[in-house]
Protein backbone atom coordinates (compact mmCIF):
# COMPACT_ATOMS: atom_id res chain seq x y z
CA MET A 1 17.25 22.24 19.93
CA LYS A 2 14.82 21.56 22.77
CA LYS A 3 14.58 17.97 23.96
CA ASN A 4 10.77 17.89 23.74
CA GLN A 5 11.02 18.84 20.04
CA GLN A 6 12.82 15.56 19.38
CA LYS A 7 10.38 13.40 21.35
CA VAL A 8 7.78 11.45 19.36
CA HIS A 9 4.22 12.34 20.41
CA PRO A 10 2.39 9.47 22.24
CA THR A 11 -0.40 9.65 19.63
CA VAL A 12 2.05 8.34 17.03
CA PHE A 13 2.34 5.06 18.95
CA VAL A 14 -1.47 4.79 19.13
CA VAL A 15 -1.54 5.15 15.33
CA PHE A 16 1.26 2.58 15.01
CA ILE A 17 -0.63 -0.07 17.02
CA SER A 18 -3.90 0.66 15.21
CA LEU A 19 -2.23 0.33 11.80
CA LEU A 20 -0.48 -2.87 12.86
CA LEU A 21 -3.77 -4.48 13.92
CA ASP A 22 -5.35 -3.37 10.65
CA LEU A 23 -2.48 -4.68 8.52
CA LEU A 24 -2.33 -8.03 10.31
CA ALA A 25 -5.96 -8.61 9.32
CA PHE A 26 -5.50 -7.15 5.83
CA THR A 27 -2.39 -9.19 4.87
CA MET A 28 -3.71 -12.42 6.35
CA ILE A 29 -5.81 -13.02 3.24
CA LEU A 30 -2.87 -12.89 0.81
CA PRO A 31 -1.72 -16.56 1.14
CA LEU A 32 -5.38 -17.62 1.22
CA LEU A 33 -6.28 -16.14 -2.18
CA PRO A 34 -5.27 -19.21 -4.26
CA SER A 35 -7.30 -21.49 -1.97
CA LEU A 36 -10.22 -19.07 -1.99
CA LEU A 37 -10.22 -18.88 -5.78
CA ASP A 38 -10.06 -22.69 -5.99
CA HIS A 39 -13.03 -22.84 -3.61
CA TYR A 40 -15.13 -20.44 -5.70
CA LYS A 41 -14.11 -22.25 -8.87
CA GLU A 42 -15.83 -25.36 -7.54
CA ASN A 43 -18.66 -23.75 -5.57
CA ASP A 44 -19.70 -20.51 -7.29
CA THR A 45 -23.31 -21.11 -8.32
CA MET A 46 -23.85 -17.66 -9.88
CA GLY A 47 -21.50 -18.18 -12.83
CA LEU A 48 -19.40 -15.10 -12.07
CA TYR A 49 -16.21 -17.11 -11.59
CA ALA A 50 -16.60 -18.79 -14.98
CA TRP A 51 -17.20 -15.43 -16.70
CA LEU A 52 -14.20 -13.79 -15.04
CA SER A 53 -12.04 -16.82 -15.82
CA ASP A 54 -12.88 -16.39 -19.50
CA GLN A 55 -11.65 -12.79 -19.33
CA ILE A 56 -8.44 -13.83 -17.54
CA TYR A 57 -7.96 -16.67 -20.06
CA PHE A 58 -8.16 -14.14 -22.92
CA PHE A 59 -5.55 -11.94 -21.22
CA GLN A 60 -3.36 -14.98 -20.44
CA LYS A 61 -3.35 -16.02 -24.10
CA LEU A 62 -2.78 -12.44 -25.24
CA VAL A 63 0.45 -12.03 -23.25
CA GLY A 64 1.56 -15.66 -23.47
CA ALA A 65 1.46 -16.52 -19.77
CA PRO A 66 1.30 -20.24 -18.88
CA GLU A 67 -2.15 -21.39 -17.78
CA LYS A 68 -0.88 -22.39 -14.31
CA PHE A 69 -0.47 -18.68 -13.51
CA ASN A 70 -4.12 -17.85 -14.17
CA SER A 71 -4.95 -17.82 -10.46
CA ILE A 72 -2.10 -15.38 -9.81
CA LEU A 73 -3.36 -13.13 -12.61
CA PHE A 74 -6.85 -13.41 -11.15
CA GLY A 75 -5.55 -12.39 -7.72
CA GLY A 76 -3.56 -9.59 -9.31
CA PHE A 77 -6.63 -8.10 -10.95
CA LEU A 78 -8.49 -8.29 -7.63
CA GLY A 79 -5.56 -6.47 -6.06
CA SER A 80 -5.63 -3.84 -8.80
CA MET A 81 -9.34 -3.29 -8.15
CA PHE A 82 -8.61 -2.83 -4.45
CA SER A 83 -5.85 -0.30 -5.22
CA PHE A 84 -8.04 1.56 -7.71
CA LEU A 85 -10.73 1.98 -5.05
CA GLN A 86 -8.11 3.42 -2.70
CA PHE A 87 -7.09 5.80 -5.47
CA VAL A 88 -10.65 7.08 -5.70
CA THR A 89 -11.46 7.31 -1.99
CA SER A 90 -8.24 8.26 -0.17
CA PRO A 91 -8.13 11.98 -1.05
CA ILE A 92 -11.88 12.38 -0.47
CA ILE A 93 -11.64 10.75 2.96
CA GLY A 94 -8.58 12.83 3.78
CA GLY A 95 -10.40 16.02 2.78
CA ILE A 96 -13.44 15.14 4.89
CA SER A 97 -11.18 14.56 7.90
CA ASP A 98 -9.83 18.09 7.47
CA VAL A 99 -13.37 19.33 8.17
CA VAL A 100 -14.79 16.99 10.84
CA GLY A 101 -11.57 15.78 12.46
CA ARG A 102 -9.50 12.63 12.22
CA LYS A 103 -11.11 10.44 14.89
CA ALA A 104 -14.66 10.22 13.55
CA VAL A 105 -13.52 9.61 9.96
CA ASN A 106 -10.95 6.99 10.93
CA ILE A 107 -13.44 5.09 13.10
CA THR A 108 -15.87 5.13 10.14
CA CYS A 109 -13.13 3.63 7.94
CA LEU A 110 -12.38 0.95 10.53
CA LEU A 111 -16.11 0.09 10.77
CA GLY A 112 -16.22 -0.27 6.98
CA ILE A 113 -13.24 -2.63 7.11
CA SER A 114 -14.99 -4.72 9.78
CA ILE A 115 -18.12 -4.90 7.60
CA SER A 116 -15.95 -6.18 4.74
CA TYR A 117 -14.74 -9.06 6.94
CA ILE A 118 -18.33 -9.86 7.94
CA LEU A 119 -19.24 -10.09 4.25
CA TRP A 120 -16.17 -12.26 3.64
CA ALA A 121 -17.34 -14.65 6.36
CA LEU A 122 -20.77 -14.81 4.69
CA SER A 123 -19.47 -15.04 1.11
CA ASN A 124 -20.80 -18.37 -0.12
CA ASN A 125 -20.38 -17.08 -3.69
CA LEU A 126 -17.76 -15.05 -5.54
CA LEU A 127 -19.99 -11.99 -5.96
CA LEU A 128 -20.29 -11.54 -2.19
CA PHE A 129 -16.53 -12.00 -1.78
CA ILE A 130 -15.82 -9.33 -4.40
CA LEU A 131 -18.35 -7.05 -2.67
CA ALA A 132 -16.42 -7.60 0.57
CA ARG A 133 -13.18 -6.59 -1.17
CA PHE A 134 -14.96 -3.60 -2.71
CA ILE A 135 -16.13 -2.30 0.68
CA GLY A 136 -12.70 -3.00 2.14
CA GLY A 137 -11.09 -0.99 -0.65
CA ILE A 138 -13.27 2.10 -0.23
CA SER A 139 -12.74 1.94 3.55
CA LYS A 140 -8.94 1.83 3.36
CA GLY A 141 -8.62 5.58 3.79
CA ASN A 142 -7.51 4.87 7.35
CA VAL A 143 -3.90 4.72 6.13
CA SER A 144 -3.92 8.27 4.73
CA ILE A 145 -5.77 9.43 7.87
CA SER A 146 -3.03 7.85 9.98
CA MET A 147 -0.38 9.77 8.06
CA ALA A 148 -2.34 12.99 8.48
CA ILE A 149 -2.58 12.35 12.24
CA ILE A 150 1.19 11.92 12.46
CA THR A 151 1.61 15.19 10.60
CA ASP A 152 -0.82 16.89 13.03
CA VAL A 153 1.11 15.91 16.16
CA SER A 154 4.69 15.96 14.85
CA THR A 155 7.27 18.71 14.68
CA ILE A 156 9.70 19.09 11.81
CA TYR A 157 12.16 17.12 13.95
CA THR A 158 9.89 14.15 14.69
CA ARG A 159 7.82 13.84 11.50
CA GLY A 160 10.32 11.53 9.83
CA LYS A 161 10.35 9.26 12.90
CA GLY A 162 6.57 9.08 12.78
CA MET A 163 6.50 8.17 9.09
CA ALA A 164 9.17 5.54 9.71
CA LEU A 165 6.94 3.98 12.37
CA VAL A 166 4.19 3.73 9.75
CA GLY A 167 6.71 1.90 7.57
CA ILE A 168 7.58 -0.43 10.45
CA ALA A 169 3.87 -1.19 10.96
CA PHE A 170 3.61 -2.12 7.27
CA SER A 171 6.74 -4.28 7.46
CA LEU A 172 5.58 -6.13 10.58
CA GLY A 173 2.08 -6.49 9.14
CA PHE A 174 3.46 -8.03 5.96
CA ILE A 175 5.71 -10.35 7.97
CA ILE A 176 3.25 -11.67 10.56
CA GLY A 177 -0.09 -11.37 8.71
CA PRO A 178 0.80 -13.67 5.79
CA MET A 179 2.27 -16.19 8.27
CA ILE A 180 -1.08 -16.30 10.08
CA GLY A 181 -2.78 -16.65 6.69
CA ALA A 182 -0.38 -19.44 5.67
CA ILE A 183 -1.30 -21.40 8.81
CA PHE A 184 -4.96 -21.06 7.86
CA ALA A 185 -4.10 -22.04 4.26
CA VAL A 186 -2.47 -25.29 5.41
CA TRP A 187 -5.41 -25.95 7.69
CA ALA A 188 -7.86 -25.21 4.85
CA LYS A 189 -6.47 -28.03 2.68
CA GLN A 190 -7.85 -30.49 5.21
CA LYS A 191 -11.33 -28.92 5.23
CA THR A 192 -14.37 -28.89 2.99
CA GLY A 193 -17.32 -26.51 2.76
CA ASN A 194 -17.05 -22.86 3.73
CA TRP A 195 -13.71 -23.23 5.54
CA PHE A 196 -12.89 -19.53 4.97
CA VAL A 197 -15.36 -18.51 7.71
CA VAL A 198 -12.76 -19.14 10.43
CA PRO A 199 -9.97 -16.92 9.01
CA ALA A 200 -12.57 -14.27 8.11
CA LEU A 201 -13.84 -14.23 11.69
CA PHE A 202 -10.24 -14.00 12.96
CA ALA A 203 -9.69 -10.96 10.72
CA LEU A 204 -12.98 -9.54 12.02
CA LEU A 205 -11.79 -10.03 15.60
CA LEU A 206 -8.58 -8.11 14.89
CA SER A 207 -10.58 -5.30 13.27
CA ILE A 208 -12.95 -5.04 16.24
CA VAL A 209 -9.99 -4.90 18.65
CA ASP A 210 -8.58 -2.12 16.44
CA ILE A 211 -11.84 -0.12 16.66
CA ILE A 212 -12.03 -0.49 20.43
CA PHE A 213 -8.35 0.37 20.91
CA PHE A 214 -8.48 3.43 18.64
CA THR A 215 -11.72 4.71 20.17
CA LEU A 216 -10.39 4.42 23.73
CA PHE A 217 -6.84 5.65 23.32
CA PHE A 218 -6.84 8.15 20.46
CA LYS A 219 -7.35 11.82 21.30
CA GLU A 220 -8.40 14.06 18.43
CA SER A 221 -5.26 15.45 16.76
CA LEU A 222 -6.93 18.21 14.73
CA PRO A 223 -8.64 20.72 17.04
CA LYS A 224 -11.69 22.60 15.77
CA GLU A 225 -9.87 25.88 15.39
CA LYS A 226 -7.44 24.31 12.92
CA ARG A 227 -10.05 22.53 10.78
CA ALA A 228 -11.34 23.54 7.37
CA GLN A 229 -14.67 25.30 7.81
CA HIS A 230 -16.97 23.87 5.14
CA PHE A 231 -17.76 20.59 3.39
CA SER A 232 -18.58 22.52 0.24
CA THR A 233 -14.89 22.89 -0.60
CA THR A 234 -14.37 19.15 -0.28
CA PHE A 235 -17.32 18.28 -2.49
CA GLU A 236 -16.57 21.03 -5.02
CA ASN A 237 -13.14 19.49 -5.39
CA ALA A 238 -14.51 15.96 -5.86
CA LYS A 239 -13.68 15.97 -9.57
CA SER A 240 -10.13 17.13 -8.93
CA LEU A 241 -9.74 14.36 -6.35
CA ILE A 242 -10.87 11.63 -8.76
CA ASP A 243 -9.77 12.93 -12.17
CA ALA A 244 -6.18 11.70 -12.55
CA ARG A 245 -5.11 14.83 -14.45
CA ASP A 246 -6.37 17.10 -11.70
CA LEU A 247 -4.94 14.78 -9.05
CA PHE A 248 -1.43 15.10 -10.46
CA ARG A 249 -1.91 18.89 -10.46
CA PHE A 250 -3.05 18.80 -6.79
CA LYS A 251 -5.97 20.93 -7.92
CA ALA A 252 -7.86 20.29 -4.67
CA LEU A 253 -5.34 22.48 -2.83
CA GLN A 254 -6.65 25.75 -4.20
CA THR A 255 -5.28 28.12 -1.55
CA ILE A 256 -1.76 26.71 -1.32
CA LYS A 257 1.22 28.88 -2.25
CA ASN A 258 2.17 28.61 -5.92
CA GLU A 259 5.74 27.66 -5.09
CA ASP A 260 4.60 24.93 -2.69
CA LEU A 261 2.09 23.66 -5.24
CA ARG A 262 4.77 23.31 -7.91
CA GLU A 263 7.02 21.38 -5.52
CA LEU A 264 4.14 19.09 -4.49
CA GLN A 265 3.27 18.41 -8.15
CA ARG A 266 6.85 17.41 -8.90
CA LEU A 267 7.09 15.30 -5.75
CA GLY A 268 3.76 13.63 -6.53
CA LEU A 269 4.86 12.70 -10.06
CA ILE A 270 8.17 11.33 -8.74
CA TYR A 271 6.32 9.24 -6.16
CA PHE A 272 3.85 7.93 -8.75
CA VAL A 273 6.55 6.88 -11.26
CA TYR A 274 8.55 5.19 -8.51
CA MET A 275 5.51 3.30 -7.15
CA PHE A 276 4.34 2.37 -10.67
CA ILE A 277 7.64 0.66 -11.51
CA TYR A 278 8.16 -0.67 -7.96
CA SER A 279 4.74 -2.33 -7.79
CA GLY A 280 5.44 -4.03 -11.12
CA LEU A 281 8.47 -5.80 -9.63
CA GLU A 282 6.55 -6.53 -6.45
CA PHE A 283 3.80 -8.29 -8.42
CA THR A 284 5.88 -10.11 -11.06
CA ILE A 285 8.45 -11.46 -8.60
CA THR A 286 5.92 -14.24 -7.97
CA PHE A 287 6.05 -15.15 -11.67
CA LEU A 288 9.85 -14.92 -11.73
CA THR A 289 10.50 -17.21 -8.78
CA HIS A 290 8.01 -19.80 -10.09
CA HIS A 291 9.12 -19.56 -13.71
CA VAL A 292 12.92 -19.28 -13.34
CA PHE A 293 13.65 -20.79 -9.91
CA ASN A 294 10.71 -23.23 -9.51
CA TYR A 295 9.90 -21.88 -6.06
CA THR A 296 7.15 -23.48 -4.01
CA SER A 297 4.62 -21.36 -2.12
CA MET A 298 6.52 -22.06 1.12
CA GLN A 299 9.82 -20.86 -0.41
CA GLN A 300 8.06 -17.72 -1.58
CA GLY A 301 6.69 -17.21 1.89
CA TRP A 302 10.19 -17.32 3.37
CA MET A 303 11.41 -14.94 0.65
CA PHE A 304 8.78 -12.33 1.51
CA PHE A 305 9.47 -12.93 5.20
CA ALA A 306 13.15 -12.05 4.63
CA ILE A 307 12.16 -8.90 2.70
CA GLY A 308 9.81 -7.81 5.49
CA VAL A 309 12.38 -8.40 8.25
CA THR A 310 15.00 -6.42 6.33
CA MET A 311 12.60 -3.50 5.88
CA ALA A 312 11.60 -3.52 9.55
CA ILE A 313 15.23 -3.51 10.70
CA ILE A 314 16.26 -0.69 8.35
CA GLN A 315 13.25 1.46 9.28
CA GLY A 316 13.55 0.78 13.00
CA ALA A 317 17.30 1.13 13.35
CA TYR A 318 18.07 3.76 10.70
CA VAL A 319 15.23 5.58 8.95
CA ARG A 320 13.36 6.73 12.05
CA ARG A 321 16.57 8.28 13.40
CA ILE A 322 17.24 10.41 10.33
CA PRO A 323 17.28 14.16 11.10
CA PRO A 324 14.87 16.34 9.07
CA GLN A 325 17.59 17.98 7.01
CA LYS A 326 18.67 14.57 5.68
CA THR A 327 15.22 13.30 4.66
CA LYS A 328 15.63 14.26 1.00
CA ALA A 329 19.15 12.80 0.84
CA THR A 330 17.82 9.53 2.28
CA ALA A 331 15.08 9.36 -0.36
CA ILE A 332 17.63 10.00 -3.11
CA LEU A 333 19.96 7.29 -1.77
CA GLY A 334 17.06 4.85 -1.61
CA LEU A 335 16.13 5.64 -5.22
CA TRP A 336 19.72 5.02 -6.33
CA ILE A 337 19.76 1.66 -4.51
CA ILE A 338 16.65 0.29 -6.22
CA ILE A 339 18.21 0.66 -9.69
CA PRO A 340 20.85 -2.07 -9.19
CA SER A 341 18.24 -4.15 -7.35
CA PHE A 342 16.19 -4.34 -10.55
CA VAL A 343 19.30 -5.24 -12.56
CA CYS A 344 20.30 -8.01 -10.12
CA VAL A 345 16.82 -9.55 -10.00
CA GLY A 346 16.46 -9.33 -13.79
CA VAL A 347 19.75 -11.04 -14.67
CA ALA A 348 19.81 -13.48 -11.72
CA GLN A 349 20.42 -17.09 -12.69
CA GLY A 350 21.23 -18.21 -9.16
CA VAL A 351 19.75 -17.73 -5.72
CA LEU A 352 22.61 -15.55 -4.40
CA MET A 353 22.15 -12.89 -7.08
CA LEU A 354 18.36 -13.01 -6.66
CA TYR A 355 18.56 -12.51 -2.91
CA PHE A 356 21.14 -9.76 -3.21
CA GLY A 357 18.80 -7.92 -5.57
CA LEU A 358 15.85 -8.46 -3.22
CA PHE A 359 17.95 -7.26 -0.27
CA LEU A 360 18.67 -4.00 -2.13
CA TYR A 361 14.98 -3.80 -3.02
CA ALA A 362 13.96 -4.11 0.66
CA VAL A 363 16.54 -1.54 1.80
CA SER A 364 15.39 0.90 -0.87
CA THR A 365 11.71 0.47 -0.01
CA ALA A 366 12.42 1.04 3.68
CA MET A 367 14.11 4.34 2.84
CA VAL A 368 12.14 5.81 -0.05
CA VAL A 369 8.47 5.57 0.95
CA PRO A 370 8.75 7.08 4.48
CA SER A 371 11.16 9.77 3.27
CA ILE A 372 9.06 10.96 0.33
CA THR A 373 5.93 10.90 2.50
CA THR A 374 7.74 13.01 5.10
CA LEU A 375 8.79 15.49 2.41
CA ALA A 376 5.18 15.76 1.20
CA SER A 377 3.85 16.27 4.73
CA GLN A 378 5.81 19.51 5.03
CA TYR A 379 3.54 21.27 2.53
CA GLY A 380 0.12 22.85 3.08
CA THR A 381 -1.59 24.42 6.06
CA ASP A 382 -2.98 22.53 9.06
CA GLN A 383 -6.35 22.46 7.28
CA GLN A 384 -4.79 20.86 4.19
CA LYS A 385 -2.60 18.13 5.67
CA GLY A 386 -5.31 15.48 5.39
CA ALA A 387 -5.90 16.35 1.73
CA VAL A 388 -2.17 16.31 0.95
CA MET A 389 -1.68 12.90 2.56
CA GLY A 390 -4.87 11.62 0.90
CA ILE A 391 -3.70 12.73 -2.53
CA PHE A 392 -0.30 11.08 -2.03
CA ARG A 393 -1.95 7.91 -0.83
CA SER A 394 -4.23 8.03 -3.86
CA LEU A 395 -1.33 8.52 -6.28
CA GLY A 396 0.36 5.47 -4.76
CA ALA A 397 -2.85 3.46 -5.06
CA LEU A 398 -3.26 4.45 -8.73
CA ALA A 399 0.33 3.36 -9.37
CA ARG A 400 -0.36 0.03 -7.64
CA ALA A 401 -3.51 -0.43 -9.73
CA LEU A 402 -1.72 0.12 -13.06
CA GLY A 403 1.84 -1.08 -12.39
CA PRO A 404 1.13 -4.83 -11.97
CA ILE A 405 -1.00 -4.94 -15.12
CA ILE A 406 1.61 -3.24 -17.32
CA ALA A 407 4.47 -5.21 -15.74
CA SER A 408 2.74 -8.56 -16.24
CA ILE A 409 2.06 -7.74 -19.90
CA ALA A 410 5.75 -6.84 -20.36
CA PHE A 411 6.91 -9.89 -18.36
CA TRP A 412 5.14 -12.39 -20.62
CA SER A 413 5.57 -10.42 -23.85
CA ILE A 414 9.28 -9.48 -23.82
CA GLY A 415 10.67 -11.60 -20.97
CA SER A 416 11.74 -11.00 -17.39
CA GLN A 417 15.28 -9.81 -18.07
CA ILE A 418 14.28 -7.08 -20.51
CA THR A 419 11.34 -6.04 -18.31
CA TYR A 420 13.50 -5.54 -15.23
CA LEU A 421 16.34 -3.87 -17.14
CA ILE A 422 13.89 -1.41 -18.72
CA GLY A 423 12.50 -0.79 -15.23
CA SER A 424 15.98 -0.03 -13.90
CA VAL A 425 16.60 2.50 -16.67
CA CYS A 426 13.22 4.17 -16.11
CA LEU A 427 14.02 4.51 -12.39
CA LEU A 428 16.82 6.92 -13.27
CA TRP A 429 14.22 9.65 -13.84
CA PRO A 430 12.73 9.73 -10.29
CA VAL A 431 16.14 9.99 -8.62
CA LEU A 432 17.39 12.70 -10.96
CA ALA A 433 14.10 14.60 -10.70
CA LEU A 434 14.07 14.46 -6.88
CA LYS A 435 17.48 16.17 -6.80
CA ASN A 436 15.82 19.27 -8.28
CA VAL A 437 13.01 19.39 -5.67
CA ILE A 438 13.64 21.90 -2.88
């Protein structure tokens, strides 16, 4: 094997830094959501907060959740909206980038994200804040574009390393971003009025730095001779990119080999089921630690910090070094590991069992997502890589939109132990199904 075949392309590191800047700004808002919702509860003059609270109250009573968790449910539904918008837009944005190139489309996405932070800074009512989240959601196609770029510039030997770097960017973003947000949250308790303007402007600053950095240092990864020729194909396939049934069939990839299409369909379904169940645990762990262990927000912050550090270490020290022929085996191992993690978290009565389960959860996440994404990136022609990555990103977003809602209903209806144990049993299917994928 030639040495240059094993060397990660410099463009991958440009993508890594760009994603990290984006994720620092994106995750910063997470610890601020409770304070933001409290602010709009007191200051929303349009009546939207009161109307939405009535809908959340109905859902809270329906599933039997204590009233103190209403703000978490509220934040969860906002998160589901954000994920649903990614589900709709990611494959379309990926398909467009196959025609016009990655750079122009990604810069457009980054501009949209910056606009969302401007609107956040100006959001003196809840409607404007939701509009900011809406624009941010439809602009979040930059993640699928980033994965397509890595596919463009990687060989079969370096693709896994590139995808692992994306995972590291996510891990670092979810470690550092919420810490920045937590500092602002503590600061906000001492302020009155539109205190959120300062963190919003800080997020805007990070996004502007990201735009400047990407514009200056990124060189187009999809040359004209390798691009799809017409927009008509992208727009003709709009229905298949949005209709969930067509999305699972990868109908937008009309010219792909039948054998490759079947493998992608199976891989896509495996990824969706995994992310659906995984995101349910990710969302309801907040309920569990409050309800069973009486965790404070600070204790939860340290818990998520530990998860993020574990993921970053595993991805940096292990996953990115995995040779291509072991990518599938790594994904399978990761899927096996998450099964006992659900069991441990579900039955935990003490902190040691809880943290052991969360450790397994972090290890599994670090292995599964980059590995399955790498497997998916091997399919399709150069002109189809953006669409493939967009569809996978969209399937993950759909799972993240639905998983938390179903999991929270189960959590408050049948209890945490049964919910997590059912989840662990259901996770047997993805691992057994992946064994049969080529």
